């Protein structure tokens, strides 16, 4: 599986920047997400996870869920943040359509993240075409300086 999702680069009209890209990985799904900031990169990683299960671009944004997670480092923070998508799908049938207002903060070595998930409840009009069991620490990479990048492997 290999495909790109992109958006226009800020400050460079007409120049496209990919949001995420999938790579071949035995029995799992491996992707890299990109952004102009680390916060945008985390948001794009959330969309990549959602894209493994449904077409996030087709999800109505009828429901807003505030998300707040903490981690001892950026790797743990990213895994917990992405796992929140799986948790909300499993417990509330929530389909992520966007991850907005992502903010990161470091206090005394620990990290916190706040975001606003927008989406809808899984209903007949949406196609679910895959499943993610877990977000792993396997091959996780976070570049917290420009160019911003995260690499994640999801157990599917």
C-alpha atoms as a PDB file:
ATOM      1  CA  UNK A   1       0.000   0.000   0.000  1.00  0.00           C
ATOM      2  CA  UNK A   2       1.469   3.309  -1.003  1.00  0.00           C
ATOM      3  CA  UNK A   3      -0.401   6.557  -1.445  1.00  0.00           C
ATOM      4  CA  UNK A   4      -0.093  10.217  -0.547  1.00  0.00           C
ATOM      5  CA  UNK A   5      -2.465  12.789   0.902  1.00  0.00           C
ATOM      6  CA  UNK A   6      -1.438  16.364   0.442  1.00  0.00           C
ATOM      7  CA  UNK A   7      -2.265  19.977   1.184  1.00  0.00           C
ATOM      8  CA  UNK A   8      -0.959  23.307  -0.014  1.00  0.00           C
ATOM      9  CA  UNK A   9       2.220  24.510   1.672  1.00  0.00           C
ATOM     10  CA  UNK A  10       1.737  27.652   3.696  1.00  0.00           C
ATOM     11  CA  UNK A  11       3.379  30.618   2.065  1.00  0.00           C
ATOM     12  CA  UNK A  12       3.887  28.804  -1.241  1.00  0.00           C
ATOM     13  CA  UNK A  13       0.615  28.908  -3.200  1.00  0.00           C
ATOM     14  CA  UNK A  14       0.412  26.084  -5.689  1.00  0.00           C
ATOM     15  CA  UNK A  15       3.163  24.053  -3.998  1.00  0.00           C
ATOM     16  CA  UNK A  16       1.825  20.883  -2.475  1.00  0.00           C
ATOM     17  CA  UNK A  17       3.090  19.239   0.672  1.00  0.00           C
ATOM     18  CA  UNK A  18       2.081  15.699   1.432  1.00  0.00           C
ATOM     19  CA  UNK A  19       0.301  15.074   4.740  1.00  0.00           C
ATOM     20  CA  UNK A  20       1.377  11.458   4.999  1.00  0.00           C
ATOM     21  CA  UNK A  21       2.810   8.586   3.027  1.00  0.00           C
ATOM     22  CA  UNK A  22       2.509   4.828   3.541  1.00  0.00           C
ATOM     23  CA  UNK A  23       5.358   2.357   3.074  1.00  0.00           C
ATOM     24  CA  UNK A  24       5.415  -1.391   2.610  1.00  0.00           C
ATOM     25  CA  UNK A  25       5.696  -3.216   5.925  1.00  0.00           C
ATOM     26  CA  UNK A  26       5.224  -6.913   6.564  1.00  0.00           C
ATOM     27  CA  UNK A  27       1.809  -7.510   8.190  1.00  0.00           C
ATOM     28  CA  UNK A  28       1.554  -3.970   9.569  1.00  0.00           C
ATOM     29  CA  UNK A  29       0.997  -0.448   8.212  1.00  0.00           C
ATOM     30  CA  UNK A  30       3.964   1.920   8.272  1.00  0.00           C
ATOM     31  CA  UNK A  31       3.623   5.605   7.501  1.00  0.00           C
ATOM     32  CA  UNK A  32       5.362   8.911   7.784  1.00  0.00           C
ATOM     33  CA  UNK A  33       3.434  12.116   8.448  1.00  0.00           C
ATOM     34  CA  UNK A  34       4.708  15.593   7.653  1.00  0.00           C
ATOM     35  CA  UNK A  35       3.868  19.166   8.625  1.00  0.00           C
ATOM     36  CA  UNK A  36       5.029  22.742   8.875  1.00  0.00           C
ATOM     37  CA  UNK A  37       5.059  22.352  12.683  1.00  0.00           C
ATOM     38  CA  UNK A  38       5.239  19.388  15.031  1.00  0.00           C
ATOM     39  CA  UNK A  39       1.590  20.019  15.980  1.00  0.00           C
ATOM     40  CA  UNK A  40       0.500  19.865  12.336  1.00  0.00           C
ATOM     41  CA  UNK A  41       2.588  16.718  11.875  1.00  0.00           C
ATOM     42  CA  UNK A  42       0.796  15.015  14.800  1.00  0.00           C
ATOM     43  CA  UNK A  43      -2.563  16.040  13.273  1.00  0.00           C
ATOM     44  CA  UNK A  44      -1.555  14.540   9.934  1.00  0.00           C
ATOM     45  CA  UNK A  45      -0.489  11.329  11.707  1.00  0.00           C
ATOM     46  CA  UNK A  46      -4.014  11.142  13.169  1.00  0.00           C
ATOM     47  CA  UNK A  47      -5.467  11.416   9.661  1.00  0.00           C
ATOM     48  CA  UNK A  48      -3.118   8.671   8.446  1.00  0.00           C
ATOM     49  CA  UNK A  49      -4.374   6.324  11.183  1.00  0.00           C
ATOM     50  CA  UNK A  50      -7.994   7.135  10.334  1.00  0.00           C
ATOM     51  CA  UNK A  51      -7.290   6.514   6.634  1.00  0.00           C
ATOM     52  CA  UNK A  52      -6.413   2.904   7.456  1.00  0.00           C
ATOM     53  CA  UNK A  53     -10.034   2.377   8.541  1.00  0.00           C
ATOM     54  CA  UNK A  54     -12.212   4.901   6.681  1.00  0.00           C
ATOM     55  CA  UNK A  55     -11.983   7.830   4.275  1.00  0.00           C
ATOM     56  CA  UNK A  56     -11.628  10.723   6.736  1.00  0.00           C
ATOM     57  CA  UNK A  57     -12.310  13.261   3.977  1.00  0.00           C
ATOM     58  CA  UNK A  58     -15.872  11.914   3.658  1.00  0.00           C
ATOM     59  CA  UNK A  59     -16.680  12.141   7.378  1.00  0.00           C
ATOM     60  CA  UNK A  60     -19.089  14.917   8.382  1.00  0.00           C
ATOM     61  CA  UNK A  61     -17.860  17.062  11.246  1.00  0.00           C
ATOM     62  CA  UNK A  62     -21.031  16.915  13.340  1.00  0.00           C
ATOM     63  CA  UNK A  63     -19.348  15.990  16.641  1.00  0.00           C
ATOM     64  CA  UNK A  64     -16.454  17.655  18.486  1.00  0.00           C
ATOM     65  CA  UNK A  65     -14.413  15.825  21.114  1.00  0.00           C
ATOM     66  CA  UNK A  66     -11.702  17.537  23.142  1.00  0.00           C
ATOM     67  CA  UNK A  67      -8.657  15.355  23.589  1.00  0.00           C
ATOM     68  CA  UNK A  68      -6.012  15.770  26.282  1.00  0.00           C
ATOM     69  CA  UNK A  69      -3.197  13.258  26.676  1.00  0.00           C
ATOM     70  CA  UNK A  70       0.144  13.146  28.447  1.00  0.00           C
ATOM     71  CA  UNK A  71       3.390  11.262  27.919  1.00  0.00           C
ATOM     72  CA  UNK A  72       6.836  11.028  29.423  1.00  0.00           C
ATOM     73  CA  UNK A  73       8.371  11.802  26.018  1.00  0.00           C
ATOM     74  CA  UNK A  74       7.232  12.687  22.489  1.00  0.00           C
ATOM     75  CA  UNK A  75       7.158   9.037  21.396  1.00  0.00           C
ATOM     76  CA  UNK A  76       4.809   8.011  24.195  1.00  0.00           C
ATOM     77  CA  UNK A  77       2.717  11.137  23.638  1.00  0.00           C
ATOM     78  CA  UNK A  78       2.289  10.331  19.935  1.00  0.00           C
ATOM     79  CA  UNK A  79       1.344   6.706  20.591  1.00  0.00           C
ATOM     80  CA  UNK A  80      -1.213   7.669  23.250  1.00  0.00           C
ATOM     81  CA  UNK A  81      -2.632  10.411  21.001  1.00  0.00           C
ATOM     82  CA  UNK A  82      -3.083   8.029  18.069  1.00  0.00           C
ATOM     83  CA  UNK A  83      -4.484   5.305  20.327  1.00  0.00           C
ATOM     84  CA  UNK A  84      -7.197   7.800  21.327  1.00  0.00           C
ATOM     85  CA  UNK A  85      -8.605   7.491  17.789  1.00  0.00           C
ATOM     86  CA  UNK A  86      -8.910   3.720  18.244  1.00  0.00           C
ATOM     87  CA  UNK A  87     -10.420   4.108  21.714  1.00  0.00           C
ATOM     88  CA  UNK A  88     -13.072   6.572  20.519  1.00  0.00           C
ATOM     89  CA  UNK A  89     -13.967   4.332  17.598  1.00  0.00           C
ATOM     90  CA  UNK A  90     -14.240   1.250  19.841  1.00  0.00           C
ATOM     91  CA  UNK A  91     -16.190   2.923  22.655  1.00  0.00           C
ATOM     92  CA  UNK A  92     -18.269   5.598  20.896  1.00  0.00           C
ATOM     93  CA  UNK A  93     -18.260   4.520  17.232  1.00  0.00           C
ATOM     94  CA  UNK A  94     -16.596   7.891  16.543  1.00  0.00           C
ATOM     95  CA  UNK A  95     -15.085   8.389  13.092  1.00  0.00           C
ATOM     96  CA  UNK A  96     -12.354  11.011  12.955  1.00  0.00           C
ATOM     97  CA  UNK A  97     -12.758  13.563  10.175  1.00  0.00           C
ATOM     98  CA  UNK A  98     -10.180  16.089  11.367  1.00  0.00           C
ATOM     99  CA  UNK A  99      -7.729  16.747  14.173  1.00  0.00           C
ATOM    100  CA  UNK A 100      -7.667  20.481  14.838  1.00  0.00           C
ATOM    101  CA  UNK A 101      -6.104  22.940  17.293  1.00  0.00           C
ATOM    102  CA  UNK A 102      -3.328  20.529  18.238  1.00  0.00           C
ATOM    103  CA  UNK A 103      -1.067  22.042  20.880  1.00  0.00           C
ATOM    104  CA  UNK A 104       1.977  20.523  22.560  1.00  0.00           C
ATOM    105  CA  UNK A 105       3.507  21.599  25.838  1.00  0.00           C
ATOM    106  CA  UNK A 106       6.486  20.374  27.824  1.00  0.00           C
ATOM    107  CA  UNK A 107       6.543  20.719  31.620  1.00  0.00           C
ATOM    108  CA  UNK A 108       9.288  19.281  33.817  1.00  0.00           C
ATOM    109  CA  UNK A 109      10.284  16.833  31.083  1.00  0.00           C
ATOM    110  CA  UNK A 110       6.780  15.455  30.530  1.00  0.00           C
ATOM    111  CA  UNK A 111       4.656  16.319  27.499  1.00  0.00           C
ATOM    112  CA  UNK A 112       0.990  17.128  27.130  1.00  0.00           C
ATOM    113  CA  UNK A 113      -1.152  17.462  24.038  1.00  0.00           C
ATOM    114  CA  UNK A 114      -4.543  19.055  23.546  1.00  0.00           C
ATOM    115  CA  UNK A 115      -6.563  18.734  20.350  1.00  0.00           C
ATOM    116  CA  UNK A 116     -10.069  18.936  18.998  1.00  0.00           C
ATOM    117  CA  UNK A 117     -11.284  15.886  17.107  1.00  0.00           C
ATOM    118  CA  UNK A 118     -14.127  16.544  14.687  1.00  0.00           C
ATOM    119  CA  UNK A 119     -16.089  13.742  13.107  1.00  0.00           C
ATOM    120  CA  UNK A 120     -19.275  11.730  13.209  1.00  0.00           C
ATOM    121  CA  UNK A 121     -20.800   8.572  14.596  1.00  0.00           C
ATOM    122  CA  UNK A 122     -20.330   5.488  12.475  1.00  0.00           C
ATOM    123  CA  UNK A 123     -23.554   5.026  10.524  1.00  0.00           C
ATOM    124  CA  UNK A 124     -24.695   3.375   7.331  1.00  0.00           C
ATOM    125  CA  UNK A 125     -23.450   6.139   5.049  1.00  0.00           C
ATOM    126  CA  UNK A 126     -19.801   5.506   5.980  1.00  0.00           C
ATOM    127  CA  UNK A 127     -17.688   2.634   4.735  1.00  0.00           C
ATOM    128  CA  UNK A 128     -15.311   0.987   7.203  1.00  0.00           C
ATOM    129  CA  UNK A 129     -12.705  -0.851   5.161  1.00  0.00           C
ATOM    130  CA  UNK A 130     -10.004  -1.772   7.639  1.00  0.00           C
ATOM    131  CA  UNK A 131      -9.046  -2.080  11.247  1.00  0.00           C
ATOM    132  CA  UNK A 132      -6.145  -0.998  13.408  1.00  0.00           C
ATOM    133  CA  UNK A 133      -5.437  -3.120  16.484  1.00  0.00           C
ATOM    134  CA  UNK A 134      -2.796  -0.891  18.047  1.00  0.00           C
ATOM    135  CA  UNK A 135      -0.194   1.793  17.515  1.00  0.00           C
ATOM    136  CA  UNK A 136       3.280   0.387  18.154  1.00  0.00           C
ATOM    137  CA  UNK A 137       6.632   1.771  19.247  1.00  0.00           C
ATOM    138  CA  UNK A 138       8.279  -0.329  16.526  1.00  0.00           C
ATOM    139  CA  UNK A 139      10.351   1.902  14.202  1.00  0.00           C
ATOM    140  CA  UNK A 140       8.857   5.091  15.711  1.00  0.00           C
ATOM    141  CA  UNK A 141      10.680   8.253  14.672  1.00  0.00           C
ATOM    142  CA  UNK A 142       9.950  11.861  15.549  1.00  0.00           C
ATOM    143  CA  UNK A 143      11.827  14.769  14.013  1.00  0.00           C
ATOM    144  CA  UNK A 144      10.991  17.734  16.230  1.00  0.00           C
ATOM    145  CA  UNK A 145      12.843  20.220  14.027  1.00  0.00           C
ATOM    146  CA  UNK A 146      12.100  21.323  10.476  1.00  0.00           C
ATOM    147  CA  UNK A 147      11.450  19.389   8.348  1.00  0.00           C
ATOM    148  CA  UNK A 148       8.942  17.926  10.821  1.00  0.00           C
ATOM    149  CA  UNK A 149       8.249  14.215  10.435  1.00  0.00           C
ATOM    150  CA  UNK A 150       6.855  11.322  12.439  1.00  0.00           C
ATOM    151  CA  UNK A 151       7.094   7.680  11.476  1.00  0.00           C
ATOM    152  CA  UNK A 152       4.649   5.163  12.923  1.00  0.00           C
ATOM    153  CA  UNK A 153       3.883   1.481  12.548  1.00  0.00           C
ATOM    154  CA  UNK A 154       0.295   0.423  13.229  1.00  0.00           C
ATOM    155  CA  UNK A 155      -0.671  -3.176  13.965  1.00  0.00           C
ATOM    156  CA  UNK A 156      -3.477  -4.031  11.546  1.00  0.00           C
END
